[in-house]
C-alpha cells in the first residue's frame, strides 16, 4: 500500500475580506475542508495506483451559499495533476460540504490542495 500526503490549506480570495469574511468564517471553511481530507486523499490514493509520479497542486474555487452555507459552484482553477478522475472526485467531495454557521452573503473561496506521495 502506498503512503501519501495530501496537504490541505485554506486561502481565501482577496475580495472576501471586503465581503465580510472574518477569521471565524475562514476557520469554518478550513474545518469543513478538513472533514473531507480523508475522502479527498482517497481520490488521490486511487489515482496513485495508476501513476506513482502523480503530484502537484490543485486549486479549487467555490462559493458558500448564503443562509444554507452549502459549498456550490465548484471548479478547478489550477490542476497540476491533470487527472480528470481526481478532479471530479475532489469536486464531488467538496460539494457535500457546508458551513456550520452559514453567512448572510455568498462567500467566495479559493482553496489549494497539495498532493504529494511520501517517498
N, C-alpha and C. Protein backbone atom coordinates (compact mmCIF):
# COMPACT_ATOMS: atom_id res chain seq x y z
N UNK A 1 0.85 -1.18 0.00
CA UNK A 1 0.00 0.00 0.00
C UNK A 1 0.89 1.24 0.00
N UNK A 2 0.63 2.17 -0.91
CA UNK A 2 1.40 3.41 -0.98
C UNK A 2 1.00 4.34 0.14
N UNK A 3 1.99 4.96 0.74
CA UNK A 3 1.71 6.01 1.71
C UNK A 3 1.78 7.32 0.95
N UNK A 4 1.02 8.30 1.40
CA UNK A 4 0.99 9.57 0.70
C UNK A 4 0.58 10.68 1.65
N UNK A 5 0.84 11.88 1.22
CA UNK A 5 0.39 13.06 1.94
C UNK A 5 -0.58 13.81 1.07
N UNK A 6 -1.57 14.34 1.65
CA UNK A 6 -2.49 15.24 0.96
C UNK A 6 -2.61 16.45 1.88
N UNK A 7 -1.84 17.47 1.59
CA UNK A 7 -1.83 18.65 2.44
C UNK A 7 -2.92 19.59 1.99
N UNK A 8 -3.71 20.01 2.93
CA UNK A 8 -4.82 20.90 2.62
C UNK A 8 -4.64 22.19 3.41
N UNK A 9 -4.69 23.31 2.69
CA UNK A 9 -4.54 24.62 3.33
C UNK A 9 -5.53 25.60 2.72
N UNK A 10 -6.05 26.47 3.54
CA UNK A 10 -7.05 27.42 3.05
C UNK A 10 -6.40 28.70 2.57
N UNK A 11 -6.98 29.25 1.55
CA UNK A 11 -6.57 30.55 1.02
C UNK A 11 -7.80 31.23 0.47
N UNK A 12 -8.21 32.31 1.07
CA UNK A 12 -9.42 33.00 0.63
C UNK A 12 -9.09 33.96 -0.50
N UNK A 13 -10.08 34.20 -1.35
CA UNK A 13 -9.94 35.21 -2.38
C UNK A 13 -9.71 36.56 -1.72
N UNK A 14 -8.91 37.38 -2.35
CA UNK A 14 -8.61 38.70 -1.79
C UNK A 14 -9.89 39.50 -1.56
N UNK A 15 -10.86 39.37 -2.44
CA UNK A 15 -12.10 40.12 -2.32
C UNK A 15 -12.96 39.71 -1.15
N UNK A 16 -12.70 38.58 -0.54
CA UNK A 16 -13.54 38.12 0.56
C UNK A 16 -13.47 39.02 1.77
N UNK A 17 -12.31 39.61 2.03
CA UNK A 17 -12.18 40.46 3.20
C UNK A 17 -13.18 41.61 3.15
N UNK A 18 -13.36 42.18 1.98
CA UNK A 18 -14.31 43.28 1.87
C UNK A 18 -15.75 42.77 1.92
N UNK A 19 -15.95 41.49 1.67
CA UNK A 19 -17.30 40.92 1.72
C UNK A 19 -17.64 40.41 3.12
N UNK A 20 -16.78 40.67 4.10
CA UNK A 20 -17.09 40.31 5.47
C UNK A 20 -16.62 38.92 5.88
N UNK A 21 -15.65 38.37 5.18
CA UNK A 21 -15.15 37.05 5.54
C UNK A 21 -14.12 37.21 6.66
N UNK A 22 -14.56 36.99 7.87
CA UNK A 22 -13.68 37.14 9.01
C UNK A 22 -13.00 35.85 9.38
N UNK A 23 -12.24 35.90 10.46
CA UNK A 23 -11.48 34.74 10.91
C UNK A 23 -12.39 33.55 11.23
N UNK A 24 -13.56 33.80 11.79
CA UNK A 24 -14.47 32.71 12.12
C UNK A 24 -14.94 31.96 10.88
N UNK A 25 -15.23 32.70 9.81
CA UNK A 25 -15.67 32.07 8.57
C UNK A 25 -14.51 31.28 7.95
N UNK A 26 -13.34 31.86 7.94
CA UNK A 26 -12.16 31.16 7.40
C UNK A 26 -11.89 29.88 8.18
N UNK A 27 -12.02 29.94 9.49
CA UNK A 27 -11.83 28.75 10.32
C UNK A 27 -12.89 27.70 10.00
N UNK A 28 -14.13 28.13 9.82
CA UNK A 28 -15.22 27.21 9.48
C UNK A 28 -14.94 26.52 8.14
N UNK A 29 -14.50 27.29 7.14
CA UNK A 29 -14.18 26.71 5.83
C UNK A 29 -13.07 25.68 5.98
N UNK A 30 -12.01 26.04 6.71
CA UNK A 30 -10.89 25.12 6.91
C UNK A 30 -11.35 23.85 7.63
N UNK A 31 -12.17 24.02 8.65
CA UNK A 31 -12.69 22.87 9.40
C UNK A 31 -13.51 21.96 8.49
N UNK A 32 -14.37 22.55 7.68
CA UNK A 32 -15.19 21.74 6.78
C UNK A 32 -14.32 21.01 5.76
N UNK A 33 -13.33 21.70 5.22
CA UNK A 33 -12.43 21.06 4.24
C UNK A 33 -11.62 19.94 4.90
N UNK A 34 -11.26 20.11 6.15
CA UNK A 34 -10.53 19.05 6.85
C UNK A 34 -11.39 17.81 7.04
N UNK A 35 -12.70 17.98 7.16
CA UNK A 35 -13.56 16.81 7.28
C UNK A 35 -13.58 16.01 5.97
N UNK A 36 -13.24 16.67 4.88
CA UNK A 36 -13.20 15.99 3.58
C UNK A 36 -11.79 15.51 3.24
N UNK A 37 -10.84 15.72 4.14
CA UNK A 37 -9.44 15.37 3.84
C UNK A 37 -9.27 13.88 3.52
N UNK A 38 -9.89 13.01 4.30
CA UNK A 38 -9.74 11.57 4.05
C UNK A 38 -10.35 11.14 2.72
N UNK A 39 -11.59 11.56 2.41
CA UNK A 39 -12.13 11.19 1.10
C UNK A 39 -11.33 11.78 -0.06
N UNK A 40 -10.83 13.02 0.10
CA UNK A 40 -10.02 13.63 -0.95
C UNK A 40 -8.71 12.87 -1.10
N UNK A 41 -8.11 12.49 0.03
CA UNK A 41 -6.89 11.70 -0.02
C UNK A 41 -7.14 10.36 -0.70
N UNK A 42 -8.32 9.78 -0.50
CA UNK A 42 -8.67 8.52 -1.15
C UNK A 42 -8.76 8.70 -2.67
N UNK A 43 -9.26 9.85 -3.11
CA UNK A 43 -9.29 10.15 -4.55
C UNK A 43 -7.88 10.09 -5.12
N UNK A 44 -6.97 10.72 -4.42
CA UNK A 44 -5.58 10.79 -4.84
C UNK A 44 -4.91 9.42 -4.77
N UNK A 45 -5.13 8.72 -3.67
CA UNK A 45 -4.53 7.40 -3.47
C UNK A 45 -4.92 6.45 -4.61
N UNK A 46 -6.17 6.50 -5.00
CA UNK A 46 -6.64 5.65 -6.09
C UNK A 46 -5.90 5.97 -7.39
N UNK A 47 -5.71 7.23 -7.67
CA UNK A 47 -5.00 7.64 -8.90
C UNK A 47 -3.52 7.28 -8.84
N UNK A 48 -2.94 7.26 -7.64
CA UNK A 48 -1.52 6.89 -7.50
C UNK A 48 -1.26 5.45 -7.93
N UNK A 49 -2.26 4.61 -7.84
CA UNK A 49 -2.09 3.22 -8.26
C UNK A 49 -1.81 3.12 -9.75
N UNK A 50 -2.31 4.06 -10.52
CA UNK A 50 -2.08 4.09 -11.96
C UNK A 50 -0.87 4.92 -12.35
N UNK A 51 -0.56 5.94 -11.54
CA UNK A 51 0.55 6.84 -11.85
C UNK A 51 1.25 7.21 -10.56
N UNK A 52 2.33 6.49 -10.26
CA UNK A 52 3.05 6.71 -8.99
C UNK A 52 3.75 8.07 -8.92
N UNK A 53 3.88 8.75 -10.05
CA UNK A 53 4.56 10.05 -10.09
C UNK A 53 3.57 11.22 -10.01
N UNK A 54 2.31 10.93 -9.83
CA UNK A 54 1.27 11.96 -9.78
C UNK A 54 1.47 12.83 -8.55
N UNK A 55 1.59 14.14 -8.77
CA UNK A 55 1.80 15.08 -7.66
C UNK A 55 1.54 16.49 -8.15
N UNK A 56 1.33 17.38 -7.22
CA UNK A 56 1.16 18.79 -7.55
C UNK A 56 -0.03 19.42 -6.86
N UNK A 57 -0.24 20.68 -7.19
CA UNK A 57 -1.32 21.46 -6.58
C UNK A 57 -2.59 21.38 -7.40
N UNK A 58 -3.68 21.44 -6.68
CA UNK A 58 -4.99 21.66 -7.28
C UNK A 58 -5.59 22.82 -6.49
N UNK A 59 -6.04 23.83 -7.19
CA UNK A 59 -6.67 24.96 -6.52
C UNK A 59 -8.14 24.95 -6.91
N UNK A 60 -8.98 24.87 -5.90
CA UNK A 60 -10.43 24.84 -6.10
C UNK A 60 -11.00 26.24 -5.89
N UNK A 61 -12.03 26.53 -6.61
CA UNK A 61 -12.80 27.75 -6.38
C UNK A 61 -14.24 27.30 -6.16
N UNK A 62 -14.86 27.84 -5.12
CA UNK A 62 -16.25 27.50 -4.83
C UNK A 62 -16.86 28.62 -4.00
N UNK A 63 -18.14 28.54 -3.82
CA UNK A 63 -18.86 29.52 -3.01
C UNK A 63 -19.64 28.81 -1.92
N UNK A 64 -19.80 29.49 -0.81
CA UNK A 64 -20.69 29.01 0.25
C UNK A 64 -21.97 29.84 0.11
N UNK A 65 -23.08 29.15 -0.14
CA UNK A 65 -24.36 29.83 -0.35
C UNK A 65 -24.79 30.61 0.90
N UNK A 66 -25.42 31.75 0.68
CA UNK A 66 -25.98 32.45 1.84
C UNK A 66 -27.09 31.61 2.47
N UNK A 67 -27.26 31.76 3.73
CA UNK A 67 -28.29 31.07 4.53
C UNK A 67 -27.99 29.60 4.77
N UNK A 68 -27.78 28.79 3.71
CA UNK A 68 -27.54 27.35 3.90
C UNK A 68 -26.08 27.04 4.18
N UNK A 69 -25.16 27.83 3.63
CA UNK A 69 -23.73 27.58 3.78
C UNK A 69 -23.20 26.47 2.89
N UNK A 70 -24.05 25.88 2.06
CA UNK A 70 -23.66 24.78 1.19
C UNK A 70 -22.59 25.23 0.20
N UNK A 71 -21.57 24.38 -0.01
CA UNK A 71 -20.50 24.68 -0.95
C UNK A 71 -21.00 24.35 -2.36
N UNK A 72 -21.06 25.38 -3.19
CA UNK A 72 -21.62 25.24 -4.55
C UNK A 72 -20.69 25.87 -5.58
N UNK A 73 -21.03 25.66 -6.85
CA UNK A 73 -20.34 26.29 -7.97
C UNK A 73 -18.84 25.98 -7.98
N UNK A 74 -18.49 24.76 -7.58
CA UNK A 74 -17.09 24.39 -7.53
C UNK A 74 -16.49 24.13 -8.90
N UNK A 75 -15.27 24.61 -9.07
CA UNK A 75 -14.50 24.31 -10.27
C UNK A 75 -13.02 24.39 -9.92
N UNK A 76 -12.19 23.87 -10.80
CA UNK A 76 -10.75 23.83 -10.56
C UNK A 76 -10.08 24.98 -11.31
N UNK A 77 -9.34 25.80 -10.56
CA UNK A 77 -8.63 26.95 -11.12
C UNK A 77 -7.25 26.52 -11.62
N UNK A 78 -6.61 25.64 -10.88
CA UNK A 78 -5.28 25.13 -11.22
C UNK A 78 -5.28 23.64 -10.97
N UNK A 79 -4.69 22.88 -11.90
CA UNK A 79 -4.66 21.43 -11.77
C UNK A 79 -3.34 20.88 -12.29
N UNK A 80 -2.33 20.86 -11.42
CA UNK A 80 -1.02 20.31 -11.79
C UNK A 80 -1.10 18.81 -12.05
N UNK A 81 -2.05 18.13 -11.41
CA UNK A 81 -2.18 16.69 -11.59
C UNK A 81 -2.68 16.34 -12.98
N UNK A 82 -3.52 17.20 -13.53
CA UNK A 82 -4.10 16.99 -14.86
C UNK A 82 -4.73 15.60 -14.95
N UNK A 83 -5.50 15.26 -13.92
CA UNK A 83 -6.15 13.96 -13.85
C UNK A 83 -7.65 14.18 -13.65
N UNK A 84 -8.42 13.92 -14.70
CA UNK A 84 -9.85 14.20 -14.67
C UNK A 84 -10.57 13.42 -13.57
N UNK A 85 -10.13 12.20 -13.30
CA UNK A 85 -10.79 11.39 -12.27
C UNK A 85 -10.59 12.00 -10.89
N UNK A 86 -9.38 12.42 -10.58
CA UNK A 86 -9.11 13.05 -9.28
C UNK A 86 -9.88 14.36 -9.19
N UNK A 87 -9.82 15.14 -10.25
CA UNK A 87 -10.51 16.44 -10.28
C UNK A 87 -12.00 16.26 -9.97
N UNK A 88 -12.66 15.35 -10.66
CA UNK A 88 -14.09 15.13 -10.45
C UNK A 88 -14.39 14.59 -9.05
N UNK A 89 -13.54 13.70 -8.59
CA UNK A 89 -13.72 13.12 -7.26
C UNK A 89 -13.60 14.20 -6.18
N UNK A 90 -12.59 15.06 -6.29
CA UNK A 90 -12.39 16.13 -5.32
C UNK A 90 -13.58 17.09 -5.33
N UNK A 91 -14.01 17.50 -6.53
CA UNK A 91 -15.16 18.41 -6.62
C UNK A 91 -16.41 17.77 -6.02
N UNK A 92 -16.58 16.48 -6.22
CA UNK A 92 -17.73 15.77 -5.67
C UNK A 92 -17.71 15.78 -4.14
N UNK A 93 -16.54 15.57 -3.57
CA UNK A 93 -16.41 15.58 -2.10
C UNK A 93 -16.67 16.97 -1.53
N UNK A 94 -16.16 17.99 -2.18
CA UNK A 94 -16.36 19.36 -1.69
C UNK A 94 -17.83 19.75 -1.78
N UNK A 95 -18.53 19.29 -2.81
CA UNK A 95 -19.94 19.61 -2.98
C UNK A 95 -20.82 19.03 -1.86
N UNK A 96 -20.29 18.12 -1.07
CA UNK A 96 -21.04 17.53 0.04
C UNK A 96 -20.97 18.40 1.31
N UNK A 97 -20.12 19.43 1.28
CA UNK A 97 -19.85 20.21 2.48
C UNK A 97 -20.72 21.45 2.58
N UNK A 98 -20.79 21.97 3.82
CA UNK A 98 -21.45 23.25 4.04
C UNK A 98 -20.89 23.85 5.33
N UNK A 99 -20.98 25.17 5.43
CA UNK A 99 -20.52 25.86 6.63
C UNK A 99 -21.39 25.46 7.82
N UNK A 100 -20.78 25.37 8.97
CA UNK A 100 -21.57 25.08 10.17
C UNK A 100 -22.34 26.31 10.62
N UNK A 101 -21.82 27.48 10.27
CA UNK A 101 -22.50 28.75 10.59
C UNK A 101 -22.66 29.53 9.28
N UNK A 102 -23.75 29.27 8.54
CA UNK A 102 -23.97 29.97 7.27
C UNK A 102 -23.96 31.49 7.45
N UNK A 103 -23.55 32.18 6.41
CA UNK A 103 -23.48 33.63 6.41
C UNK A 103 -24.68 34.22 5.69
N UNK A 104 -24.88 35.51 5.84
CA UNK A 104 -25.99 36.18 5.17
C UNK A 104 -25.68 36.47 3.70
N UNK A 105 -24.40 36.47 3.35
CA UNK A 105 -23.99 36.74 1.98
C UNK A 105 -23.18 35.56 1.44
N UNK A 106 -23.08 35.49 0.14
CA UNK A 106 -22.29 34.44 -0.52
C UNK A 106 -20.81 34.65 -0.19
N UNK A 107 -20.14 33.57 0.15
CA UNK A 107 -18.72 33.62 0.46
C UNK A 107 -17.96 32.91 -0.66
N UNK A 108 -17.05 33.64 -1.30
CA UNK A 108 -16.24 33.06 -2.37
C UNK A 108 -14.91 32.58 -1.82
N UNK A 109 -14.47 31.40 -2.28
CA UNK A 109 -13.28 30.78 -1.71
C UNK A 109 -12.39 30.23 -2.81
N UNK A 110 -11.08 30.42 -2.67
CA UNK A 110 -10.07 29.68 -3.42
C UNK A 110 -9.37 28.80 -2.39
N UNK A 111 -9.21 27.54 -2.70
CA UNK A 111 -8.67 26.60 -1.72
C UNK A 111 -7.64 25.69 -2.38
N UNK A 112 -6.35 25.81 -2.00
CA UNK A 112 -5.32 24.96 -2.60
C UNK A 112 -5.18 23.63 -1.86
N UNK A 113 -4.90 22.61 -2.63
CA UNK A 113 -4.59 21.29 -2.07
C UNK A 113 -3.29 20.83 -2.71
N UNK A 114 -2.34 20.43 -1.89
CA UNK A 114 -1.05 19.95 -2.36
C UNK A 114 -1.02 18.43 -2.27
N UNK A 115 -1.00 17.78 -3.41
CA UNK A 115 -0.97 16.31 -3.45
C UNK A 115 0.47 15.86 -3.66
N UNK A 116 1.02 15.14 -2.68
CA UNK A 116 2.39 14.66 -2.74
C UNK A 116 2.48 13.25 -2.15
N UNK A 117 3.01 12.28 -2.89
CA UNK A 117 3.21 10.95 -2.30
C UNK A 117 4.41 10.99 -1.36
N UNK A 118 4.40 10.19 -0.32
CA UNK A 118 5.57 10.03 0.54
C UNK A 118 6.64 9.29 -0.24
N UNK A 119 7.86 9.57 0.07
CA UNK A 119 8.98 8.88 -0.58
C UNK A 119 9.33 7.60 0.13
